[in-house]
Structures are given as C-alpha cells and as structure tokens.
C-alpha cells in the first residue's frame, strides 16, 4: 500500500516522516491522483505535473505547459487522459493530457478567475471544473466544448466531484466566514448543506 500525503513545512530542512520511503519533489505538491489501474501517480506541483510510476516512484513524464503552479489533477476512468488546472491568474486554463504520448490533447478555456479543481464523470465523457469566478463548468471531454455553466454561487468554488450515478455534481464553497457543501442536480440551483 502506498499512502501519499501533501503538507507544508516551515523549516528550511524538511525531514521525512517516520515510515516514508522517498521525497518525490522539492517544493510544492498541491494535489495527487492515482491512475485507475494503479500504474501511475500524478502530482500537481509548483512547476507542472509529474507522472510517476506508482511502484518505483521513478519519473515517467513531466507535463509543463501550465505557466506555473498546478492546483488539481484527475485521471479519466479509463486512465488515458489526465486533466490539470492552474490556480493562478496568468493561467486560467484546464489541460487534457494524453497520458501515453505526454502531449496536450485539448486546452479548455472559459473561466475568468483562478481554476481550483477538476473531476471526471464516471463514464469519462464529462469534466467538471470549479473556480474563484464563482462558477462550476461542465465540459465535453471528447470535443473540449463547454456544456454548461452552473452559476448562482456567491463565493469561490474550491472543489467538485461527480456523484456515483453521474447525475449530480458535488461542490465545496468557502467564503470569508462561511463553509458550505452543496449539490447541483443536472444544472439546477444549488442545494447547500452547511458545515458548522
């Protein structure tokens, strides 16, 4: 079993925690995802996306077309596509990578502020993205076209996930003093669930 943790240390020299076998990168790791077959580990880092062998931890590919920090990574259910997004103003894009070739398959644009999260539907045909522009966008993975924009949020949407049946999109919002988890049903209005 491999457990990956992401953390921030304030000390100039970071020691490995007890039981750790390797430090994968120096600097920021913002997100991690295993491929569905368990062969790869994708790391969203401060300089791009690292694709590593999940057993040996050797670097297989480095995806570097984002201008800077990668905030979120997600594999398609068949493992052939890796989605990534950058949470910086100089790069408001979502990249869809061909995992085998290591090339950008498509670049999705439309968000007007930092993009924080990406998630594939269980059939792999749709991608959801969330942003500081207070929207969740749904995309057709095959064509790269935007399918819909879920609006009406009054704060940054930090993360998204599809429900197991693929009909709902779950999301996490965080305002100055407000935390909420909500659900969008087939693009309907937000049904918030408050966390206190």
N, C-alpha and C. Protein backbone atom coordinates (compact mmCIF):
# COMPACT_ATOMS: atom_id res chain seq x y z
N UNK A 1 0.84 -1.17 0.00
CA UNK A 1 0.00 0.00 0.00
C UNK A 1 0.89 1.24 0.00
N UNK A 2 0.52 2.21 -0.82
CA UNK A 2 1.24 3.48 -0.87
C UNK A 2 0.29 4.57 -0.39
N UNK A 3 0.75 5.35 0.54
CA UNK A 3 -0.01 6.48 1.03
C UNK A 3 0.78 7.72 0.68
N UNK A 4 0.10 8.69 0.06
CA UNK A 4 0.76 9.93 -0.32
C UNK A 4 0.16 11.04 0.52
N UNK A 5 1.00 11.86 1.12
CA UNK A 5 0.50 13.00 1.88
C UNK A 5 1.10 14.27 1.32
N UNK A 6 0.34 15.32 1.42
CA UNK A 6 0.76 16.63 0.96
C UNK A 6 0.77 17.53 2.17
N UNK A 7 1.85 18.24 2.40
CA UNK A 7 1.92 19.11 3.56
C UNK A 7 2.84 20.28 3.31
N UNK A 8 2.80 21.19 4.22
CA UNK A 8 3.65 22.38 4.15
C UNK A 8 4.50 22.40 5.41
N UNK A 9 5.76 22.62 5.24
CA UNK A 9 6.66 22.70 6.39
C UNK A 9 7.30 24.08 6.41
N UNK A 10 7.45 24.62 7.60
CA UNK A 10 8.05 25.96 7.71
C UNK A 10 9.55 25.89 7.93
N UNK A 11 10.07 24.71 8.20
CA UNK A 11 11.50 24.56 8.43
C UNK A 11 12.25 24.51 7.10
N UNK A 12 13.45 25.11 7.03
CA UNK A 12 14.21 25.09 5.78
C UNK A 12 14.62 23.69 5.37
N UNK A 13 14.88 22.81 6.36
CA UNK A 13 15.22 21.44 6.05
C UNK A 13 14.05 20.57 6.49
N UNK A 14 13.43 19.89 5.54
CA UNK A 14 12.25 19.09 5.84
C UNK A 14 12.68 17.64 6.00
N UNK A 15 12.39 17.07 7.15
CA UNK A 15 12.73 15.68 7.41
C UNK A 15 11.60 14.78 6.93
N UNK A 16 11.96 13.58 6.49
CA UNK A 16 10.95 12.62 6.09
C UNK A 16 10.23 12.10 7.32
N UNK A 17 8.89 11.98 7.25
CA UNK A 17 8.16 11.40 8.38
C UNK A 17 8.54 9.93 8.56
N UNK A 18 8.35 9.42 9.74
CA UNK A 18 8.64 8.02 10.02
C UNK A 18 7.86 7.13 9.06
N UNK A 19 8.53 6.17 8.45
CA UNK A 19 7.87 5.24 7.53
C UNK A 19 7.89 5.70 6.08
N UNK A 20 8.24 6.96 5.82
CA UNK A 20 8.28 7.46 4.45
C UNK A 20 9.49 6.85 3.73
N UNK A 21 9.30 6.55 2.45
CA UNK A 21 10.40 5.92 1.70
C UNK A 21 11.07 6.88 0.72
N UNK A 22 10.42 8.00 0.40
CA UNK A 22 11.02 8.91 -0.57
C UNK A 22 10.38 10.28 -0.50
N UNK A 23 11.14 11.28 -0.86
CA UNK A 23 10.61 12.62 -1.10
C UNK A 23 10.55 12.77 -2.61
N UNK A 24 9.34 13.00 -3.14
CA UNK A 24 9.17 12.98 -4.58
C UNK A 24 9.62 14.27 -5.25
N UNK A 25 9.31 15.40 -4.67
CA UNK A 25 9.72 16.67 -5.26
C UNK A 25 10.16 17.61 -4.16
N UNK A 26 10.96 18.58 -4.52
CA UNK A 26 11.26 19.66 -3.60
C UNK A 26 10.35 20.80 -3.99
N UNK A 27 9.72 21.41 -3.03
CA UNK A 27 8.77 22.47 -3.33
C UNK A 27 7.35 22.00 -3.10
N UNK A 28 6.43 22.64 -3.79
CA UNK A 28 5.01 22.43 -3.57
C UNK A 28 4.48 21.20 -4.29
N UNK A 29 3.69 20.42 -3.57
CA UNK A 29 2.81 19.42 -4.19
C UNK A 29 1.40 19.82 -3.77
N UNK A 30 0.59 20.20 -4.74
CA UNK A 30 -0.74 20.70 -4.45
C UNK A 30 -1.82 19.63 -4.51
N UNK A 31 -1.62 18.60 -5.32
CA UNK A 31 -2.63 17.56 -5.47
C UNK A 31 -1.96 16.29 -5.95
N UNK A 32 -2.57 15.15 -5.66
CA UNK A 32 -2.08 13.86 -6.12
C UNK A 32 -3.26 13.02 -6.59
N UNK A 33 -3.02 12.15 -7.56
CA UNK A 33 -4.06 11.24 -8.05
C UNK A 33 -3.41 9.97 -8.58
N UNK A 34 -3.98 8.82 -8.23
CA UNK A 34 -3.56 7.55 -8.81
C UNK A 34 -4.35 7.29 -10.07
N UNK A 35 -3.70 6.69 -11.08
CA UNK A 35 -4.43 6.25 -12.27
C UNK A 35 -5.35 5.11 -11.86
N UNK A 36 -6.46 4.91 -12.57
CA UNK A 36 -7.42 3.87 -12.19
C UNK A 36 -6.82 2.47 -12.10
N UNK A 37 -5.81 2.18 -12.92
CA UNK A 37 -5.18 0.86 -12.87
C UNK A 37 -4.06 0.77 -11.84
N UNK A 38 -3.79 1.88 -11.14
CA UNK A 38 -2.76 1.90 -10.11
C UNK A 38 -1.34 1.96 -10.63
N UNK A 39 -1.17 2.10 -11.94
CA UNK A 39 0.18 2.12 -12.53
C UNK A 39 0.91 3.44 -12.30
N UNK A 40 0.17 4.56 -12.33
CA UNK A 40 0.80 5.87 -12.25
C UNK A 40 0.30 6.67 -11.05
N UNK A 41 1.13 7.61 -10.65
CA UNK A 41 0.80 8.60 -9.65
C UNK A 41 1.06 9.96 -10.29
N UNK A 42 0.04 10.81 -10.34
CA UNK A 42 0.20 12.16 -10.89
C UNK A 42 0.31 13.15 -9.74
N UNK A 43 1.27 14.05 -9.84
CA UNK A 43 1.49 15.06 -8.82
C UNK A 43 1.32 16.44 -9.44
N UNK A 44 0.41 17.24 -8.92
CA UNK A 44 0.30 18.63 -9.32
C UNK A 44 1.28 19.43 -8.48
N UNK A 45 2.32 19.98 -9.11
CA UNK A 45 3.40 20.64 -8.37
C UNK A 45 3.47 22.13 -8.69
N UNK A 46 4.42 22.78 -8.07
CA UNK A 46 4.63 24.19 -8.30
C UNK A 46 5.14 24.53 -9.68
N UNK A 47 5.59 23.53 -10.43
CA UNK A 47 6.13 23.81 -11.76
C UNK A 47 5.48 23.00 -12.88
N UNK A 48 4.51 22.16 -12.58
CA UNK A 48 3.84 21.37 -13.61
C UNK A 48 3.26 20.10 -13.03
N UNK A 49 3.08 19.09 -13.89
CA UNK A 49 2.54 17.81 -13.46
C UNK A 49 3.61 16.74 -13.64
N UNK A 50 3.90 16.03 -12.57
CA UNK A 50 4.82 14.90 -12.65
C UNK A 50 3.99 13.63 -12.72
N UNK A 51 4.32 12.77 -13.68
CA UNK A 51 3.70 11.45 -13.78
C UNK A 51 4.76 10.45 -13.35
N UNK A 52 4.48 9.71 -12.28
CA UNK A 52 5.47 8.79 -11.72
C UNK A 52 4.93 7.36 -11.74
N UNK A 53 5.84 6.41 -11.85
CA UNK A 53 5.49 5.01 -11.70
C UNK A 53 5.06 4.83 -10.24
N UNK A 54 3.90 4.23 -10.02
CA UNK A 54 3.35 4.14 -8.67
C UNK A 54 4.12 3.17 -7.78
N UNK A 55 4.89 2.27 -8.37
CA UNK A 55 5.64 1.31 -7.56
C UNK A 55 7.06 1.80 -7.31
N UNK A 56 7.78 2.14 -8.37
CA UNK A 56 9.18 2.55 -8.21
C UNK A 56 9.32 4.04 -7.86
N UNK A 57 8.27 4.81 -8.11
CA UNK A 57 8.24 6.27 -7.92
C UNK A 57 9.15 7.01 -8.89
N UNK A 58 9.67 6.31 -9.90
CA UNK A 58 10.50 6.95 -10.92
C UNK A 58 9.64 7.88 -11.78
N UNK A 59 10.24 9.01 -12.17
CA UNK A 59 9.55 9.96 -13.04
C UNK A 59 9.39 9.35 -14.43
N UNK A 60 8.15 9.30 -14.93
CA UNK A 60 7.85 8.76 -16.25
C UNK A 60 7.74 9.90 -17.26
N UNK A 61 7.01 10.95 -16.89
CA UNK A 61 6.82 12.11 -17.76
C UNK A 61 6.66 13.35 -16.90
N UNK A 62 6.97 14.49 -17.52
CA UNK A 62 6.72 15.78 -16.87
C UNK A 62 5.91 16.63 -17.83
N UNK A 63 4.72 17.01 -17.41
CA UNK A 63 3.84 17.85 -18.22
C UNK A 63 4.03 19.30 -17.75
N UNK A 64 4.47 20.16 -18.65
CA UNK A 64 4.88 21.50 -18.22
C UNK A 64 4.24 22.64 -18.99
N UNK A 65 3.10 22.45 -19.62
CA UNK A 65 2.50 23.52 -20.41
C UNK A 65 1.74 24.56 -19.60
N UNK A 66 1.50 24.33 -18.31
CA UNK A 66 0.92 25.39 -17.48
C UNK A 66 2.02 26.42 -17.20
N UNK A 67 1.62 27.68 -17.05
CA UNK A 67 2.62 28.72 -16.84
C UNK A 67 3.27 28.63 -15.46
N UNK A 68 2.57 28.04 -14.52
CA UNK A 68 3.10 27.91 -13.15
C UNK A 68 2.26 26.89 -12.42
N UNK A 69 2.20 26.95 -11.16
CA UNK A 69 1.61 26.01 -10.20
C UNK A 69 0.35 25.28 -10.69
N UNK A 70 0.37 23.95 -10.58
CA UNK A 70 -0.79 23.12 -10.90
C UNK A 70 -1.50 22.80 -9.59
N UNK A 71 -2.80 23.13 -9.52
CA UNK A 71 -3.57 23.01 -8.29
C UNK A 71 -4.31 21.68 -8.19
N UNK A 72 -4.80 21.15 -9.31
CA UNK A 72 -5.61 19.94 -9.27
C UNK A 72 -5.29 19.04 -10.45
N UNK A 73 -5.30 17.72 -10.20
CA UNK A 73 -5.10 16.73 -11.25
C UNK A 73 -6.15 15.63 -11.09
N UNK A 74 -6.57 15.04 -12.22
CA UNK A 74 -7.55 13.94 -12.17
C UNK A 74 -7.38 13.08 -13.41
N UNK A 75 -7.43 11.76 -13.21
CA UNK A 75 -7.39 10.81 -14.32
C UNK A 75 -8.80 10.51 -14.79
N UNK A 76 -8.95 10.31 -16.11
CA UNK A 76 -10.21 9.81 -16.64
C UNK A 76 -10.39 8.37 -16.16
N UNK A 77 -11.62 7.85 -16.11
CA UNK A 77 -11.84 6.49 -15.62
C UNK A 77 -11.07 5.41 -16.38
N UNK A 78 -10.79 5.62 -17.67
CA UNK A 78 -10.02 4.63 -18.42
C UNK A 78 -8.51 4.87 -18.32
N UNK A 79 -8.10 5.95 -17.66
CA UNK A 79 -6.69 6.24 -17.44
C UNK A 79 -5.95 6.82 -18.63
N UNK A 80 -6.62 7.05 -19.74
CA UNK A 80 -5.94 7.54 -20.94
C UNK A 80 -5.73 9.05 -20.95
N UNK A 81 -6.52 9.77 -20.15
CA UNK A 81 -6.45 11.23 -20.12
C UNK A 81 -6.23 11.71 -18.70
N UNK A 82 -5.38 12.72 -18.56
CA UNK A 82 -5.14 13.37 -17.28
C UNK A 82 -5.55 14.83 -17.43
N UNK A 83 -6.40 15.30 -16.53
CA UNK A 83 -6.80 16.71 -16.52
C UNK A 83 -6.01 17.44 -15.45
N UNK A 84 -5.64 18.69 -15.75
CA UNK A 84 -4.94 19.51 -14.77
C UNK A 84 -5.40 20.95 -14.91
N UNK A 85 -5.31 21.69 -13.80
CA UNK A 85 -5.65 23.11 -13.84
C UNK A 85 -4.68 23.88 -12.96
N UNK A 86 -4.56 25.16 -13.28
CA UNK A 86 -3.63 26.02 -12.57
C UNK A 86 -4.41 27.12 -11.86
N UNK A 87 -4.15 27.29 -10.58
CA UNK A 87 -4.86 28.28 -9.79
C UNK A 87 -4.16 29.61 -9.72
N UNK A 88 -3.70 30.11 -10.86
CA UNK A 88 -3.05 31.42 -10.90
C UNK A 88 -3.66 32.26 -12.00
N UNK A 89 -3.61 33.56 -11.85
CA UNK A 89 -4.24 34.46 -12.82
C UNK A 89 -3.59 34.44 -14.19
N UNK A 90 -2.31 34.09 -14.26
CA UNK A 90 -1.63 34.08 -15.55
C UNK A 90 -1.96 32.83 -16.37
N UNK A 91 -2.71 31.88 -15.79
CA UNK A 91 -3.06 30.64 -16.49
C UNK A 91 -4.43 30.19 -16.02
N UNK A 92 -5.46 30.54 -16.75
CA UNK A 92 -6.83 30.19 -16.39
C UNK A 92 -7.31 28.97 -17.18
N UNK A 93 -6.39 28.12 -17.58
CA UNK A 93 -6.73 27.00 -18.46
C UNK A 93 -6.85 25.68 -17.71
N UNK A 94 -7.52 24.76 -18.38
CA UNK A 94 -7.57 23.36 -17.99
C UNK A 94 -6.93 22.60 -19.14
N UNK A 95 -5.99 21.74 -18.83
CA UNK A 95 -5.33 20.95 -19.87
C UNK A 95 -5.81 19.51 -19.77
N UNK A 96 -6.06 18.92 -20.94
CA UNK A 96 -6.34 17.49 -21.03
C UNK A 96 -5.14 16.85 -21.71
N UNK A 97 -4.44 15.99 -20.99
CA UNK A 97 -3.20 15.38 -21.46
C UNK A 97 -3.44 13.96 -21.94
N UNK A 98 -2.81 13.58 -23.04
CA UNK A 98 -2.75 12.19 -23.46
C UNK A 98 -1.66 11.54 -22.62
N UNK A 99 -2.05 10.62 -21.74
CA UNK A 99 -1.10 10.04 -20.78
C UNK A 99 0.01 9.28 -21.50
N UNK A 100 -0.34 8.50 -22.52
CA UNK A 100 0.67 7.68 -23.21
C UNK A 100 1.66 8.51 -24.02
N UNK A 101 1.17 9.54 -24.69
CA UNK A 101 2.06 10.35 -25.54
C UNK A 101 2.68 11.53 -24.80
N UNK A 102 2.10 11.92 -23.67
CA UNK A 102 2.65 13.04 -22.91
C UNK A 102 2.40 14.39 -23.57
N UNK A 103 1.35 14.49 -24.36
CA UNK A 103 1.04 15.73 -25.08
C UNK A 103 -0.32 16.28 -24.65
N UNK A 104 -0.47 17.60 -24.81
CA UNK A 104 -1.77 18.22 -24.55
C UNK A 104 -2.73 17.79 -25.64
N UNK A 105 -3.81 17.16 -25.23
CA UNK A 105 -4.84 16.73 -26.16
C UNK A 105 -5.83 17.86 -26.44
N UNK A 106 -6.09 18.66 -25.39
CA UNK A 106 -7.02 19.78 -25.52
C UNK A 106 -6.75 20.78 -24.41
N UNK A 107 -7.08 22.04 -24.66
CA UNK A 107 -6.97 23.09 -23.67
C UNK A 107 -8.35 23.72 -23.54
N UNK A 108 -8.91 23.69 -22.33
CA UNK A 108 -10.25 24.22 -22.09
C UNK A 108 -10.13 25.60 -21.47
N UNK A 109 -10.83 26.56 -22.07
CA UNK A 109 -10.81 27.93 -21.57
C UNK A 109 -12.23 28.43 -21.39
N UNK A 110 -12.41 29.34 -20.46
CA UNK A 110 -13.72 29.92 -20.20
C UNK A 110 -13.81 30.54 -18.81
N UNK A 111 -13.12 29.95 -17.85
CA UNK A 111 -13.13 30.54 -16.51
C UNK A 111 -12.46 31.91 -16.56
N UNK A 112 -12.94 32.83 -15.74
CA UNK A 112 -12.42 34.20 -15.74
C UNK A 112 -11.58 34.51 -14.50
N UNK A 113 -11.37 33.52 -13.65
CA UNK A 113 -10.56 33.69 -12.46
C UNK A 113 -9.91 32.35 -12.16
N UNK A 114 -9.15 32.23 -11.11
CA UNK A 114 -8.37 31.03 -10.80
C UNK A 114 -9.22 29.75 -10.84
N UNK A 115 -8.67 28.69 -11.45
CA UNK A 115 -9.34 27.40 -11.54
C UNK A 115 -8.75 26.50 -10.46
N UNK A 116 -9.63 25.94 -9.61
CA UNK A 116 -9.16 25.21 -8.43
C UNK A 116 -9.31 23.69 -8.48
N UNK A 117 -10.24 23.18 -9.26
CA UNK A 117 -10.50 21.74 -9.18
C UNK A 117 -11.04 21.21 -10.50
N UNK A 118 -10.67 19.95 -10.79
CA UNK A 118 -11.21 19.24 -11.95
C UNK A 118 -11.62 17.84 -11.52
N UNK A 119 -12.69 17.31 -12.14
CA UNK A 119 -13.16 15.95 -11.84
C UNK A 119 -13.87 15.38 -13.06
N UNK A 120 -13.59 14.11 -13.35
CA UNK A 120 -14.25 13.41 -14.45
C UNK A 120 -15.53 12.74 -13.97
N UNK A 121 -16.53 12.67 -14.85
CA UNK A 121 -17.70 11.85 -14.59
C UNK A 121 -17.27 10.39 -14.67
N UNK A 122 -18.08 9.50 -14.11
CA UNK A 122 -17.69 8.09 -14.06
C UNK A 122 -17.59 7.45 -15.44
N UNK A 123 -18.34 7.96 -16.42
CA UNK A 123 -18.21 7.42 -17.78
C UNK A 123 -17.09 8.10 -18.56
N UNK A 124 -16.47 9.12 -17.98
CA UNK A 124 -15.35 9.81 -18.62
C UNK A 124 -15.73 10.76 -19.73
N UNK A 125 -17.00 10.96 -19.96
CA UNK A 125 -17.44 11.81 -21.07
C UNK A 125 -17.53 13.29 -20.70
N UNK A 126 -17.64 13.58 -19.39
CA UNK A 126 -17.74 14.96 -18.93
C UNK A 126 -16.62 15.25 -17.93
N UNK A 127 -16.24 16.53 -17.89
CA UNK A 127 -15.30 17.02 -16.89
C UNK A 127 -15.96 18.20 -16.21
N UNK A 128 -15.88 18.27 -14.90
CA UNK A 128 -16.35 19.43 -14.14
C UNK A 128 -15.13 20.21 -13.66
N UNK A 129 -15.25 21.53 -13.66
CA UNK A 129 -14.17 22.39 -13.14
C UNK A 129 -14.79 23.44 -12.24
N UNK A 130 -14.04 23.85 -11.22
CA UNK A 130 -14.53 24.87 -10.30
C UNK A 130 -13.52 26.01 -10.24
N UNK A 131 -14.02 27.18 -9.84
CA UNK A 131 -13.19 28.37 -9.96
C UNK A 131 -13.53 29.44 -8.93
N UNK A 132 -12.57 30.36 -8.79
CA UNK A 132 -12.79 31.56 -7.98
C UNK A 132 -13.74 32.53 -8.69
N UNK A 133 -14.10 32.25 -9.95
CA UNK A 133 -15.08 33.10 -10.63
C UNK A 133 -16.52 32.74 -10.22
N UNK A 134 -16.64 31.90 -9.17
CA UNK A 134 -17.92 31.51 -8.57
C UNK A 134 -18.77 30.64 -9.49
N UNK A 135 -18.12 29.89 -10.39
CA UNK A 135 -18.85 29.00 -11.28
C UNK A 135 -18.29 27.59 -11.23
N UNK A 136 -19.13 26.66 -11.64
CA UNK A 136 -18.73 25.30 -11.97
C UNK A 136 -19.07 25.15 -13.44
N UNK A 137 -18.11 24.66 -14.22
CA UNK A 137 -18.35 24.46 -15.65
C UNK A 137 -18.27 22.98 -15.96
N UNK A 138 -19.15 22.55 -16.86
CA UNK A 138 -19.15 21.18 -17.34
C UNK A 138 -18.68 21.18 -18.78
N UNK A 139 -17.79 20.24 -19.11
CA UNK A 139 -17.14 20.18 -20.42
C UNK A 139 -17.36 18.81 -21.06
N UNK A 140 -17.45 18.79 -22.39
CA UNK A 140 -17.45 17.56 -23.15
C UNK A 140 -15.99 17.18 -23.35
N UNK A 141 -15.57 16.05 -22.82
CA UNK A 141 -14.15 15.66 -22.87
C UNK A 141 -13.72 15.36 -24.30
N UNK A 142 -14.58 14.76 -25.09
CA UNK A 142 -14.20 14.39 -26.46
C UNK A 142 -13.99 15.61 -27.35
N UNK A 143 -14.89 16.60 -27.24
CA UNK A 143 -14.80 17.77 -28.13
C UNK A 143 -14.10 18.96 -27.49
N UNK A 144 -14.00 18.99 -26.16
CA UNK A 144 -13.43 20.14 -25.47
C UNK A 144 -14.38 21.31 -25.35
N UNK A 145 -15.62 21.12 -25.76
CA UNK A 145 -16.62 22.20 -25.72
C UNK A 145 -17.26 22.30 -24.34
N UNK A 146 -17.55 23.54 -23.95
CA UNK A 146 -18.25 23.79 -22.70
C UNK A 146 -19.71 23.37 -22.86
N UNK A 147 -20.22 22.55 -21.94
CA UNK A 147 -21.61 22.09 -22.00
C UNK A 147 -22.54 23.01 -21.23
N UNK A 148 -22.12 23.45 -20.05
CA UNK A 148 -22.95 24.34 -19.25
C UNK A 148 -22.12 25.02 -18.18
N UNK A 149 -22.67 26.11 -17.66
CA UNK A 149 -22.06 26.85 -16.56
C UNK A 149 -23.07 26.84 -15.42
N UNK A 150 -22.67 26.35 -14.27
CA UNK A 150 -23.52 26.35 -13.09
C UNK A 150 -23.21 27.63 -12.32
N UNK A 151 -24.17 28.55 -12.30
CA UNK A 151 -23.96 29.87 -11.70
C UNK A 151 -24.83 30.01 -10.46
N UNK A 152 -24.70 31.14 -9.80
CA UNK A 152 -25.51 31.43 -8.63
C UNK A 152 -24.75 31.29 -7.33
N UNK A 153 -23.49 30.90 -7.39
CA UNK A 153 -22.69 30.83 -6.18
C UNK A 153 -22.25 32.24 -5.82
N UNK A 154 -22.04 32.47 -4.55
CA UNK A 154 -21.65 33.82 -4.11
C UNK A 154 -20.24 33.83 -3.54
N UNK A 155 -19.49 32.76 -3.81
CA UNK A 155 -18.12 32.66 -3.31
C UNK A 155 -17.35 31.70 -4.20
N UNK A 156 -16.06 31.64 -3.97
CA UNK A 156 -15.20 30.72 -4.70
C UNK A 156 -15.68 29.28 -4.53
N UNK A 157 -15.66 28.52 -5.63
CA UNK A 157 -15.96 27.09 -5.57
C UNK A 157 -14.61 26.37 -5.62
N UNK A 158 -14.22 25.75 -4.50
CA UNK A 158 -12.88 25.18 -4.38
C UNK A 158 -12.75 23.76 -4.91
N UNK A 159 -13.81 22.97 -4.87
CA UNK A 159 -13.66 21.61 -5.39
C UNK A 159 -14.98 21.08 -5.91
N UNK A 160 -14.86 20.12 -6.82
CA UNK A 160 -16.04 19.50 -7.42
C UNK A 160 -15.83 18.00 -7.49
N UNK A 161 -16.93 17.26 -7.50
CA UNK A 161 -16.90 15.81 -7.65
C UNK A 161 -18.26 15.38 -8.22
N UNK A 162 -18.25 14.35 -9.06
CA UNK A 162 -19.50 13.80 -9.57
C UNK A 162 -20.03 12.75 -8.59
N UNK A 163 -21.36 12.68 -8.50
CA UNK A 163 -21.97 11.62 -7.69
C UNK A 163 -21.77 10.28 -8.40
N UNK A 164 -21.88 9.15 -7.68
CA UNK A 164 -21.66 7.84 -8.31
C UNK A 164 -22.56 7.56 -9.51
N UNK A 165 -23.77 8.11 -9.52
CA UNK A 165 -24.65 7.87 -10.67
C UNK A 165 -24.41 8.89 -11.79
N UNK A 166 -23.53 9.88 -11.56
CA UNK A 166 -23.19 10.85 -12.59
C UNK A 166 -24.21 11.94 -12.81
N UNK A 167 -25.29 11.95 -12.05
CA UNK A 167 -26.36 12.93 -12.27
C UNK A 167 -26.16 14.23 -11.50
N UNK A 168 -25.43 14.17 -10.39
CA UNK A 168 -25.21 15.35 -9.57
C UNK A 168 -23.74 15.71 -9.56
N UNK A 169 -23.47 16.99 -9.33
CA UNK A 169 -22.11 17.47 -9.14
C UNK A 169 -22.05 18.02 -7.72
N UNK A 170 -21.15 17.45 -6.90
CA UNK A 170 -20.96 17.95 -5.56
C UNK A 170 -19.90 19.03 -5.58
N UNK A 171 -19.99 20.00 -4.69
CA UNK A 171 -19.03 21.08 -4.67
C UNK A 171 -18.78 21.57 -3.27
N UNK A 172 -17.64 22.22 -3.09
CA UNK A 172 -17.28 22.79 -1.79
C UNK A 172 -17.02 24.27 -1.98
N UNK A 173 -17.70 25.06 -1.17
CA UNK A 173 -17.57 26.52 -1.22
C UNK A 173 -16.91 26.99 0.07
N UNK A 174 -16.18 28.06 -0.02
CA UNK A 174 -15.57 28.62 1.19
C UNK A 174 -15.53 30.13 1.04
N UNK A 175 -16.26 30.79 1.90
CA UNK A 175 -16.24 32.25 1.93
C UNK A 175 -15.42 32.72 3.11
N UNK A 176 -15.45 34.01 3.39
CA UNK A 176 -14.66 34.57 4.48
C UNK A 176 -14.93 33.86 5.81
N UNK A 177 -16.18 33.73 6.19
CA UNK A 177 -16.54 33.08 7.45
C UNK A 177 -17.60 32.03 7.22
N UNK A 178 -17.66 31.46 6.03
CA UNK A 178 -18.75 30.59 5.68
C UNK A 178 -18.22 29.36 4.96
N UNK A 179 -18.60 28.19 5.42
CA UNK A 179 -18.25 26.97 4.72
C UNK A 179 -19.55 26.27 4.34
N UNK A 180 -19.59 25.75 3.13
CA UNK A 180 -20.78 25.04 2.70
C UNK A 180 -20.39 23.93 1.74
N UNK A 181 -21.14 22.86 1.79
CA UNK A 181 -21.03 21.80 0.80
C UNK A 181 -22.37 21.76 0.12
N UNK A 182 -22.37 21.69 -1.19
CA UNK A 182 -23.64 21.74 -1.90
C UNK A 182 -23.74 20.70 -2.98
N UNK A 183 -24.87 20.67 -3.63
CA UNK A 183 -25.12 19.70 -4.67
C UNK A 183 -25.87 20.41 -5.80
N UNK A 184 -25.45 20.16 -7.02
CA UNK A 184 -26.17 20.68 -8.19
C UNK A 184 -26.80 19.49 -8.89
N UNK A 185 -28.09 19.52 -9.08
CA UNK A 185 -28.77 18.43 -9.73
C UNK A 185 -29.01 18.78 -11.19
N UNK A 186 -28.28 18.10 -12.06
CA UNK A 186 -28.45 18.29 -13.51
C UNK A 186 -28.50 19.77 -13.89
N UNK A 187 -27.70 20.59 -13.20
CA UNK A 187 -27.63 22.01 -13.54
C UNK A 187 -28.65 22.87 -12.83
N UNK A 188 -29.47 22.28 -11.93
CA UNK A 188 -30.45 23.06 -11.20
C UNK A 188 -29.75 23.97 -10.20
N UNK A 189 -30.54 24.65 -9.37
CA UNK A 189 -29.97 25.57 -8.40
C UNK A 189 -29.21 24.81 -7.31
N UNK A 190 -28.37 25.54 -6.60
CA UNK A 190 -27.55 24.98 -5.55
C UNK A 190 -28.40 24.56 -4.36
N UNK A 191 -28.14 23.36 -3.85
CA UNK A 191 -28.78 22.87 -2.62
C UNK A 191 -27.70 22.80 -1.57
N UNK A 192 -27.55 23.86 -0.75
CA UNK A 192 -26.41 23.89 0.18
C UNK A 192 -26.65 23.03 1.42
N UNK A 193 -25.56 22.53 1.93
CA UNK A 193 -25.53 21.83 3.20
C UNK A 193 -24.47 22.52 4.03
N UNK A 194 -24.86 23.20 5.07
CA UNK A 194 -23.92 23.99 5.87
C UNK A 194 -23.07 23.12 6.77
N UNK A 195 -21.85 23.52 6.94
CA UNK A 195 -20.95 22.86 7.88
C UNK A 195 -20.64 23.83 8.99
N UNK A 196 -20.91 23.47 10.22
CA UNK A 196 -20.68 24.37 11.35
C UNK A 196 -19.63 23.83 12.25
